[in-house]
Amino acid sequence: MSAQKTLFDGPTSKTNDPITSYEAAESIRCSGKAETQRSIVLRYLRKHGPATSGELGMLVGGDRYCCHRRLPELVVIGLVERTGYRRCRVTKKRCLVWSAIKPESTLYGQKNIGGKRNDR
């Protein structure tokens, strides 16, 4: 019986990236670090609310680039959403803000029910 593939079994590098990017992506995926990093980022968003990747990097004790790579992955699986822009408290630049999606606000992968946000 073959192992079930997940969303993150495919390449996480861009097609024009050098081979070292593919090697690094494969290494982090196989080691389980990517999944651990996604869990940490999601936990902090749920606990502290909306944040930029720079703010998340400061909160988790890592760098913003680690968070920056995991956030779009969390968007793809429906756990995080982009919620606008504001000045980052860390970089002092205008940055994208990310928010955790409440589990009860998703139904079959859709955040809206009847045109209204289900945030109860």
Protein backbone atom coordinates (compact mmCIF):
# COMPACT_ATOMS: atom_id res chain seq x y z
CA MET A 1 0.00 0.00 0.00
CA SER A 2 1.44 3.40 -0.95
CA ALA A 3 1.53 6.33 1.45
CA GLN A 4 -1.18 8.93 0.92
CA LYS A 5 0.12 12.12 -0.65
CA THR A 6 -0.59 15.43 1.01
CA LEU A 7 -0.89 18.94 -0.31
CA PHE A 8 2.76 19.60 0.52
CA ASP A 9 4.31 16.55 -1.17
CA GLY A 10 4.85 18.47 -4.38
CA PRO A 11 7.59 20.98 -5.09
CA THR A 12 7.49 24.09 -2.91
CA SER A 13 10.03 25.97 -4.99
CA LYS A 14 9.30 28.09 -8.04
CA THR A 15 10.10 26.63 -11.45
CA ASN A 16 12.89 29.15 -12.09
CA ASP A 17 14.57 28.65 -8.68
CA PRO A 18 18.06 27.14 -8.58
CA ILE A 19 18.43 23.45 -7.74
CA THR A 20 19.54 24.36 -4.20
CA SER A 21 16.05 25.78 -3.50
CA TYR A 22 14.48 22.46 -4.48
CA GLU A 23 16.96 20.60 -2.29
CA ALA A 24 16.24 22.87 0.68
CA ALA A 25 12.47 22.52 0.21
CA GLU A 26 12.75 18.73 0.06
CA SER A 27 14.95 18.66 3.15
CA ILE A 28 12.58 20.77 5.26
CA ARG A 29 9.56 18.77 4.09
CA CYS A 30 11.14 15.38 4.79
CA SER A 31 12.44 16.46 8.20
CA GLY A 32 8.96 17.51 9.35
CA LYS A 33 10.13 21.05 10.05
CA ALA A 34 7.67 22.60 7.59
CA GLU A 35 4.71 20.99 9.36
CA THR A 36 6.05 22.04 12.76
CA GLN A 37 6.54 25.61 11.52
CA ARG A 38 3.01 25.74 10.09
CA SER A 39 1.61 24.56 13.44
CA ILE A 40 3.58 27.17 15.38
CA VAL A 41 2.56 30.01 13.05
CA LEU A 42 -1.12 28.98 13.19
CA ARG A 43 -1.04 28.68 16.99
CA TYR A 44 0.40 32.20 17.34
CA LEU A 45 -2.15 33.68 14.94
CA ARG A 46 -4.97 32.07 16.91
CA LYS A 47 -3.55 33.25 20.22
CA HIS A 48 -2.40 36.78 19.31
CA GLY A 49 -4.71 37.67 16.42
CA PRO A 50 -3.86 39.20 13.04
CA ALA A 51 -0.17 39.83 12.38
CA THR A 52 2.39 40.48 9.68
CA SER A 53 5.09 37.94 8.89
CA GLY A 54 7.62 40.20 10.65
CA GLU A 55 5.52 40.32 13.82
CA LEU A 56 5.01 36.55 13.70
CA GLY A 57 8.75 36.03 13.28
CA MET A 58 9.39 38.09 16.39
CA LEU A 59 6.69 36.22 18.36
CA VAL A 60 7.89 32.74 17.44
CA GLY A 61 11.54 33.59 18.01
CA GLY A 62 12.49 32.87 14.42
CA ASP A 63 12.79 35.06 11.40
CA ARG A 64 10.03 36.59 9.33
CA TYR A 65 11.15 34.66 6.25
CA CYS A 66 10.31 31.33 7.87
CA CYS A 67 6.80 32.59 8.66
CA HIS A 68 6.55 34.22 5.23
CA ARG A 69 7.06 30.81 3.57
CA ARG A 70 4.54 28.95 5.76
CA LEU A 71 1.69 31.50 5.62
CA PRO A 72 0.71 30.94 1.95
CA GLU A 73 0.72 27.19 2.61
CA LEU A 74 -1.75 27.75 5.46
CA VAL A 75 -3.91 29.84 3.10
CA VAL A 76 -4.02 27.00 0.57
CA ILE A 77 -5.34 24.55 3.18
CA GLY A 78 -7.90 27.07 4.44
CA LEU A 79 -6.56 27.83 7.92
CA VAL A 80 -5.29 31.38 7.34
CA GLU A 81 -6.42 34.31 5.20
CA ARG A 82 -4.96 37.58 4.01
CA THR A 83 -6.85 40.42 5.69
CA GLY A 84 -5.33 43.61 4.31
CA TYR A 85 -2.29 45.79 4.84
CA ARG A 86 -0.92 47.92 7.64
CA ARG A 87 2.37 49.22 8.96
CA CYS A 88 4.33 46.36 10.54
CA ARG A 89 5.47 46.96 14.11
CA VAL A 90 8.78 45.24 13.34
CA THR A 91 9.80 46.40 9.86
CA LYS A 92 7.94 49.75 10.03
CA LYS A 93 6.87 49.14 6.42
CA ARG A 94 3.43 48.52 4.93
CA CYS A 95 2.94 44.76 5.05
CA LEU A 96 0.33 42.12 4.40
CA VAL A 97 -1.68 41.10 7.48
CA TRP A 98 -2.58 37.45 8.06
CA SER A 99 -5.38 36.08 10.26
CA ALA A 100 -6.34 32.60 11.39
CA ILE A 101 -9.71 31.47 10.11
CA LYS A 102 -11.97 30.29 12.89
CA PRO A 103 -12.66 26.57 12.45
CA GLU A 104 -16.40 27.10 12.76
CA SER A 105 -16.35 29.70 9.97
CA THR A 106 -15.41 27.15 7.33
CA LEU A 107 -17.92 24.81 5.80
CA TYR A 108 -16.73 22.59 2.97
CA GLY A 109 -13.81 24.94 2.36
CA GLN A 110 -16.00 28.05 2.09
CA LYS A 111 -15.77 30.93 4.53
CA ASN A 112 -19.06 32.58 3.60
CA ILE A 113 -22.49 31.12 4.12
CA GLY A 114 -25.37 32.94 2.52
CA GLY A 115 -23.18 35.93 1.70
CA LYS A 116 -22.46 36.67 5.35
CA ARG A 117 -19.34 35.90 7.32
CA ASN A 118 -20.06 33.24 9.93
CA ASP A 119 -18.05 34.63 12.90
CA ARG A 120 -20.30 33.66 15.78
